[in-house]
Amino acid sequence: MDELQYATYKNEEDNGNGLTTFSRQYNVEPECFNLYVCLPDSALGDLWSTMTGGIHDSYRIRSDNVDLTDRDIEVYSALYNDRIAMTLLNANLQLKSLNPCIMDVKNAYYNNRIRGTPPTVFLGNPLPQTPTNKLVQLTINGDSTLGGVNSVQLYKQVFKSIKL
């Protein structure tokens, strides 16, 4: 064995400036095979990507001007769950639960662990590996009466190799 291959992440940070209809193109590395989009909530310490108040209604991801789905992905719909499963399968990770709530593991009673916690949101999709950089367009549609998109964190899962 003269080469070791492994998967790692590259991060890109952006700001949506509170827009309720957010659309932006990003330059993504050719070896990127999964894209995860996190919309962290600053009230929770910029760690959890939550749906406080149902801010995000739907999203769509395009790679090199080709839609990766045939319609907008509505949050918590069947297509949304399919994208979660497809992205995790592409990363060789196991899907354990589709429950969107953050569990309070400090609570001793199992039934009380998910009460009162904001639901999380997962935006992601597998990307085709290409010989050159690809342009990925992210469009997020939100409720105009609520706050829009603020912080955007793109996690690009890429393959790396080390010659031994």
C-alpha atoms as a PDB file:
ATOM      1  CA  MET A   1       0.000   0.000   0.000  1.00  0.00           C
ATOM      2  CA  ASP A   2       1.665   3.204  -1.149  1.00  0.00           C
ATOM      3  CA  GLU A   3      -1.189   5.670  -0.617  1.00  0.00           C
ATOM      4  CA  LEU A   4      -3.662   6.401   2.171  1.00  0.00           C
ATOM      5  CA  GLN A   5      -7.001   8.017   1.297  1.00  0.00           C
ATOM      6  CA  TYR A   6      -9.317   9.593   3.851  1.00  0.00           C
ATOM      7  CA  ALA A   7     -12.254  12.002   3.987  1.00  0.00           C
ATOM      8  CA  THR A   8     -12.031  15.370   5.721  1.00  0.00           C
ATOM      9  CA  TYR A   9     -13.882  18.700   5.719  1.00  0.00           C
ATOM     10  CA  LYS A  10     -13.230  22.184   4.406  1.00  0.00           C
ATOM     11  CA  ASN A  11     -15.232  25.069   5.826  1.00  0.00           C
ATOM     12  CA  GLU A  12     -16.484  28.267   4.218  1.00  0.00           C
ATOM     13  CA  GLU A  13     -18.338  30.922   6.180  1.00  0.00           C
ATOM     14  CA  ASP A  14     -20.793  33.447   4.802  1.00  0.00           C
ATOM     15  CA  ASN A  15     -23.436  35.873   6.019  1.00  0.00           C
ATOM     16  CA  GLY A  16     -26.977  36.072   4.652  1.00  0.00           C
ATOM     17  CA  ASN A  17     -27.586  39.591   6.056  1.00  0.00           C
ATOM     18  CA  GLY A  18     -31.042  38.581   7.305  1.00  0.00           C
ATOM     19  CA  LEU A  19     -32.439  37.959   3.802  1.00  0.00           C
ATOM     20  CA  THR A  20     -35.619  35.880   3.698  1.00  0.00           C
ATOM     21  CA  THR A  21     -34.850  34.777   0.130  1.00  0.00           C
ATOM     22  CA  PHE A  22     -31.152  33.966   0.125  1.00  0.00           C
ATOM     23  CA  SER A  23     -29.362  32.867  -3.053  1.00  0.00           C
ATOM     24  CA  ARG A  24     -25.619  32.720  -3.584  1.00  0.00           C
ATOM     25  CA  GLN A  25     -23.077  30.781  -5.653  1.00  0.00           C
ATOM     26  CA  TYR A  26     -20.011  29.168  -4.126  1.00  0.00           C
ATOM     27  CA  ASN A  27     -16.862  27.821  -5.745  1.00  0.00           C
ATOM     28  CA  VAL A  28     -16.443  24.219  -4.555  1.00  0.00           C
ATOM     29  CA  GLU A  29     -13.381  22.009  -4.873  1.00  0.00           C
ATOM     30  CA  PRO A  30     -13.470  19.250  -7.515  1.00  0.00           C
ATOM     31  CA  GLU A  31     -12.839  16.490  -4.941  1.00  0.00           C
ATOM     32  CA  CYS A  32     -15.864  17.540  -2.828  1.00  0.00           C
ATOM     33  CA  PHE A  33     -18.415  14.728  -2.680  1.00  0.00           C
ATOM     34  CA  ASN A  34     -20.817  15.998   0.018  1.00  0.00           C
ATOM     35  CA  LEU A  35     -22.008  19.484   0.933  1.00  0.00           C
ATOM     36  CA  TYR A  36     -23.449  20.258   4.385  1.00  0.00           C
ATOM     37  CA  VAL A  37     -24.991  23.676   5.016  1.00  0.00           C
ATOM     38  CA  CYS A  38     -25.409  24.791   8.623  1.00  0.00           C
ATOM     39  CA  LEU A  39     -27.409  27.843   9.628  1.00  0.00           C
ATOM     40  CA  PRO A  40     -26.265  28.312  13.234  1.00  0.00           C
ATOM     41  CA  ASP A  41     -28.371  30.149  15.770  1.00  0.00           C
ATOM     42  CA  SER A  42     -26.320  32.781  17.601  1.00  0.00           C
ATOM     43  CA  ALA A  43     -28.691  32.620  20.581  1.00  0.00           C
ATOM     44  CA  LEU A  44     -27.609  29.015  21.152  1.00  0.00           C
ATOM     45  CA  GLY A  45     -23.917  29.817  20.811  1.00  0.00           C
ATOM     46  CA  ASP A  46     -23.386  29.331  17.052  1.00  0.00           C
ATOM     47  CA  LEU A  47     -23.250  25.582  17.489  1.00  0.00           C
ATOM     48  CA  TRP A  48     -26.743  24.303  16.647  1.00  0.00           C
ATOM     49  CA  SER A  49     -28.388  24.744  13.263  1.00  0.00           C
ATOM     50  CA  THR A  50     -31.957  25.186  14.481  1.00  0.00           C
ATOM     51  CA  MET A  51     -35.378  26.179  13.203  1.00  0.00           C
ATOM     52  CA  THR A  52     -36.286  28.719  15.861  1.00  0.00           C
ATOM     53  CA  GLY A  53     -39.723  29.935  14.813  1.00  0.00           C
ATOM     54  CA  GLY A  54     -39.770  28.082  11.466  1.00  0.00           C
ATOM     55  CA  ILE A  55     -37.507  30.572   9.694  1.00  0.00           C
ATOM     56  CA  HIS A  56     -36.571  28.398   6.701  1.00  0.00           C
ATOM     57  CA  ASP A  57     -39.385  26.988   4.549  1.00  0.00           C
ATOM     58  CA  SER A  58     -37.507  25.389   1.656  1.00  0.00           C
ATOM     59  CA  TYR A  59     -34.166  25.258  -0.116  1.00  0.00           C
ATOM     60  CA  ARG A  60     -32.611  24.176  -3.388  1.00  0.00           C
ATOM     61  CA  ILE A  61     -29.047  23.281  -4.361  1.00  0.00           C
ATOM     62  CA  ARG A  62     -27.683  23.463  -7.909  1.00  0.00           C
ATOM     63  CA  SER A  63     -24.320  22.206  -9.135  1.00  0.00           C
ATOM     64  CA  ASP A  64     -22.968  23.814 -12.326  1.00  0.00           C
ATOM     65  CA  ASN A  65     -26.450  25.181 -13.144  1.00  0.00           C
ATOM     66  CA  VAL A  66     -28.048  21.722 -12.856  1.00  0.00           C
ATOM     67  CA  ASP A  67     -30.729  21.281 -10.186  1.00  0.00           C
ATOM     68  CA  LEU A  68     -29.924  18.393  -7.845  1.00  0.00           C
ATOM     69  CA  THR A  69     -33.670  17.868  -7.220  1.00  0.00           C
ATOM     70  CA  ASP A  70     -36.693  18.387  -9.442  1.00  0.00           C
ATOM     71  CA  ARG A  71     -38.330  20.803  -6.974  1.00  0.00           C
ATOM     72  CA  ASP A  72     -37.611  22.882  -3.881  1.00  0.00           C
ATOM     73  CA  ILE A  73     -36.944  20.798  -0.790  1.00  0.00           C
ATOM     74  CA  GLU A  74     -39.426  21.705   1.924  1.00  0.00           C
ATOM     75  CA  VAL A  75     -38.001  21.304   5.410  1.00  0.00           C
ATOM     76  CA  TYR A  76     -39.188  18.095   7.162  1.00  0.00           C
ATOM     77  CA  SER A  77     -40.832  16.711   3.996  1.00  0.00           C
ATOM     78  CA  ALA A  78     -40.228  13.242   2.536  1.00  0.00           C
ATOM     79  CA  LEU A  79     -37.744  14.684   0.021  1.00  0.00           C
ATOM     80  CA  TYR A  80     -35.919  16.418   2.893  1.00  0.00           C
ATOM     81  CA  ASN A  81     -35.582  13.074   4.703  1.00  0.00           C
ATOM     82  CA  ASP A  82     -34.406  11.460   1.458  1.00  0.00           C
ATOM     83  CA  ARG A  83     -31.639  14.077   1.082  1.00  0.00           C
ATOM     84  CA  ILE A  84     -30.484  13.420   4.665  1.00  0.00           C
ATOM     85  CA  ALA A  85     -30.330   9.673   4.030  1.00  0.00           C
ATOM     86  CA  MET A  86     -28.627  10.097   0.644  1.00  0.00           C
ATOM     87  CA  THR A  87     -25.960  12.472   1.989  1.00  0.00           C
ATOM     88  CA  LEU A  88     -25.134  10.272   4.972  1.00  0.00           C
ATOM     89  CA  LEU A  89     -25.055   7.149   2.798  1.00  0.00           C
ATOM     90  CA  ASN A  90     -22.652   8.894   0.411  1.00  0.00           C
ATOM     91  CA  ALA A  91     -20.402   9.667   3.413  1.00  0.00           C
ATOM     92  CA  ASN A  92     -20.646   6.024   4.573  1.00  0.00           C
ATOM     93  CA  LEU A  93     -22.382   7.135   7.779  1.00  0.00           C
ATOM     94  CA  GLN A  94     -25.332   5.439   9.420  1.00  0.00           C
ATOM     95  CA  LEU A  95     -28.698   7.211   9.699  1.00  0.00           C
ATOM     96  CA  LYS A  96     -29.882   6.592  13.243  1.00  0.00           C
ATOM     97  CA  SER A  97     -32.857   8.925  13.645  1.00  0.00           C
ATOM     98  CA  LEU A  98     -34.903  11.476  11.727  1.00  0.00           C
ATOM     99  CA  ASN A  99     -36.089  13.155  14.935  1.00  0.00           C
ATOM    100  CA  PRO A 100     -35.133  16.831  14.436  1.00  0.00           C
ATOM    101  CA  CYS A 101     -35.099  17.802  18.135  1.00  0.00           C
ATOM    102  CA  ILE A 102     -31.956  18.359  20.165  1.00  0.00           C
ATOM    103  CA  MET A 103     -32.120  15.898  23.030  1.00  0.00           C
ATOM    104  CA  ASP A 104     -31.437  17.031  26.567  1.00  0.00           C
ATOM    105  CA  VAL A 105     -29.193  14.166  27.653  1.00  0.00           C
ATOM    106  CA  LYS A 106     -28.926  15.566  31.186  1.00  0.00           C
ATOM    107  CA  ASN A 107     -32.604  14.823  31.818  1.00  0.00           C
ATOM    108  CA  ALA A 108     -33.000  11.430  33.499  1.00  0.00           C
ATOM    109  CA  TYR A 109     -36.488  10.828  32.076  1.00  0.00           C
ATOM    110  CA  TYR A 110     -36.433   9.724  28.452  1.00  0.00           C
ATOM    111  CA  ASN A 111     -39.867  11.200  27.600  1.00  0.00           C
ATOM    112  CA  ASN A 112     -38.775  14.667  28.787  1.00  0.00           C
ATOM    113  CA  ARG A 113     -35.535  14.761  26.781  1.00  0.00           C
ATOM    114  CA  ILE A 114     -37.033  16.334  23.643  1.00  0.00           C
ATOM    115  CA  ARG A 115     -39.649  18.649  25.164  1.00  0.00           C
ATOM    116  CA  GLY A 116     -39.069  22.361  24.759  1.00  0.00           C
ATOM    117  CA  THR A 117     -36.028  22.021  22.509  1.00  0.00           C
ATOM    118  CA  PRO A 118     -35.925  23.751  19.111  1.00  0.00           C
ATOM    119  CA  PRO A 119     -35.890  21.450  16.066  1.00  0.00           C
ATOM    120  CA  THR A 120     -32.678  21.299  14.054  1.00  0.00           C
ATOM    121  CA  VAL A 121     -32.396  21.747  10.319  1.00  0.00           C
ATOM    122  CA  PHE A 122     -30.121  19.803   7.947  1.00  0.00           C
ATOM    123  CA  LEU A 123     -29.340  21.119   4.490  1.00  0.00           C
ATOM    124  CA  GLY A 124     -27.110  18.877   2.478  1.00  0.00           C
ATOM    125  CA  ASN A 125     -26.671  16.988  -0.733  1.00  0.00           C
ATOM    126  CA  PRO A 126     -24.139  14.718  -2.419  1.00  0.00           C
ATOM    127  CA  LEU A 127     -22.141  16.385  -5.169  1.00  0.00           C
ATOM    128  CA  PRO A 128     -20.573  14.757  -8.230  1.00  0.00           C
ATOM    129  CA  GLN A 129     -16.782  14.698  -8.292  1.00  0.00           C
ATOM    130  CA  THR A 130     -15.519  16.714 -11.238  1.00  0.00           C
ATOM    131  CA  PRO A 131     -12.113  17.361 -12.859  1.00  0.00           C
ATOM    132  CA  THR A 132     -12.411  21.125 -12.202  1.00  0.00           C
ATOM    133  CA  ASN A 133     -14.015  23.383  -9.601  1.00  0.00           C
ATOM    134  CA  LYS A 134     -17.794  23.417  -9.623  1.00  0.00           C
ATOM    135  CA  LEU A 135     -20.191  26.270  -8.977  1.00  0.00           C
ATOM    136  CA  VAL A 136     -22.773  25.369  -6.366  1.00  0.00           C
ATOM    137  CA  GLN A 137     -25.778  27.641  -5.961  1.00  0.00           C
ATOM    138  CA  LEU A 138     -27.635  27.606  -2.662  1.00  0.00           C
ATOM    139  CA  THR A 139     -31.127  29.085  -2.476  1.00  0.00           C
ATOM    140  CA  ILE A 140     -32.974  29.280   0.853  1.00  0.00           C
ATOM    141  CA  ASN A 141     -36.570  30.526   1.024  1.00  0.00           C
ATOM    142  CA  GLY A 142     -37.903  31.728   4.350  1.00  0.00           C
ATOM    143  CA  ASP A 143     -40.974  33.193   5.945  1.00  0.00           C
ATOM    144  CA  SER A 144     -40.994  36.968   5.340  1.00  0.00           C
ATOM    145  CA  THR A 145     -42.616  37.656   8.716  1.00  0.00           C
ATOM    146  CA  LEU A 146     -39.759  35.964  10.596  1.00  0.00           C
ATOM    147  CA  GLY A 147     -36.020  36.558  10.592  1.00  0.00           C
ATOM    148  CA  GLY A 148     -34.041  35.558   7.550  1.00  0.00           C
ATOM    149  CA  VAL A 149     -30.751  33.811   6.909  1.00  0.00           C
ATOM    150  CA  ASN A 150     -27.859  35.181   8.938  1.00  0.00           C
ATOM    151  CA  SER A 151     -24.807  33.011   9.465  1.00  0.00           C
ATOM    152  CA  VAL A 152     -24.125  30.345   6.828  1.00  0.00           C
ATOM    153  CA  GLN A 153     -21.503  27.639   7.333  1.00  0.00           C
ATOM    154  CA  LEU A 154     -20.624  25.411   4.362  1.00  0.00           C
ATOM    155  CA  TYR A 155     -18.893  22.163   5.230  1.00  0.00           C
ATOM    156  CA  LYS A 156     -17.450  20.525   2.136  1.00  0.00           C
ATOM    157  CA  GLN A 157     -16.515  16.869   2.577  1.00  0.00           C
ATOM    158  CA  VAL A 158     -13.486  16.100   0.415  1.00  0.00           C
ATOM    159  CA  PHE A 159     -11.126  13.207  -0.207  1.00  0.00           C
ATOM    160  CA  LYS A 160      -7.446  13.643   0.636  1.00  0.00           C
ATOM    161  CA  SER A 161      -4.582  11.273  -0.007  1.00  0.00           C
ATOM    162  CA  ILE A 162      -1.135  10.821   1.493  1.00  0.00           C
ATOM    163  CA  LYS A 163       1.699   9.102  -0.338  1.00  0.00           C
ATOM    164  CA  LEU A 164       3.509   6.687   1.933  1.00  0.00           C
END
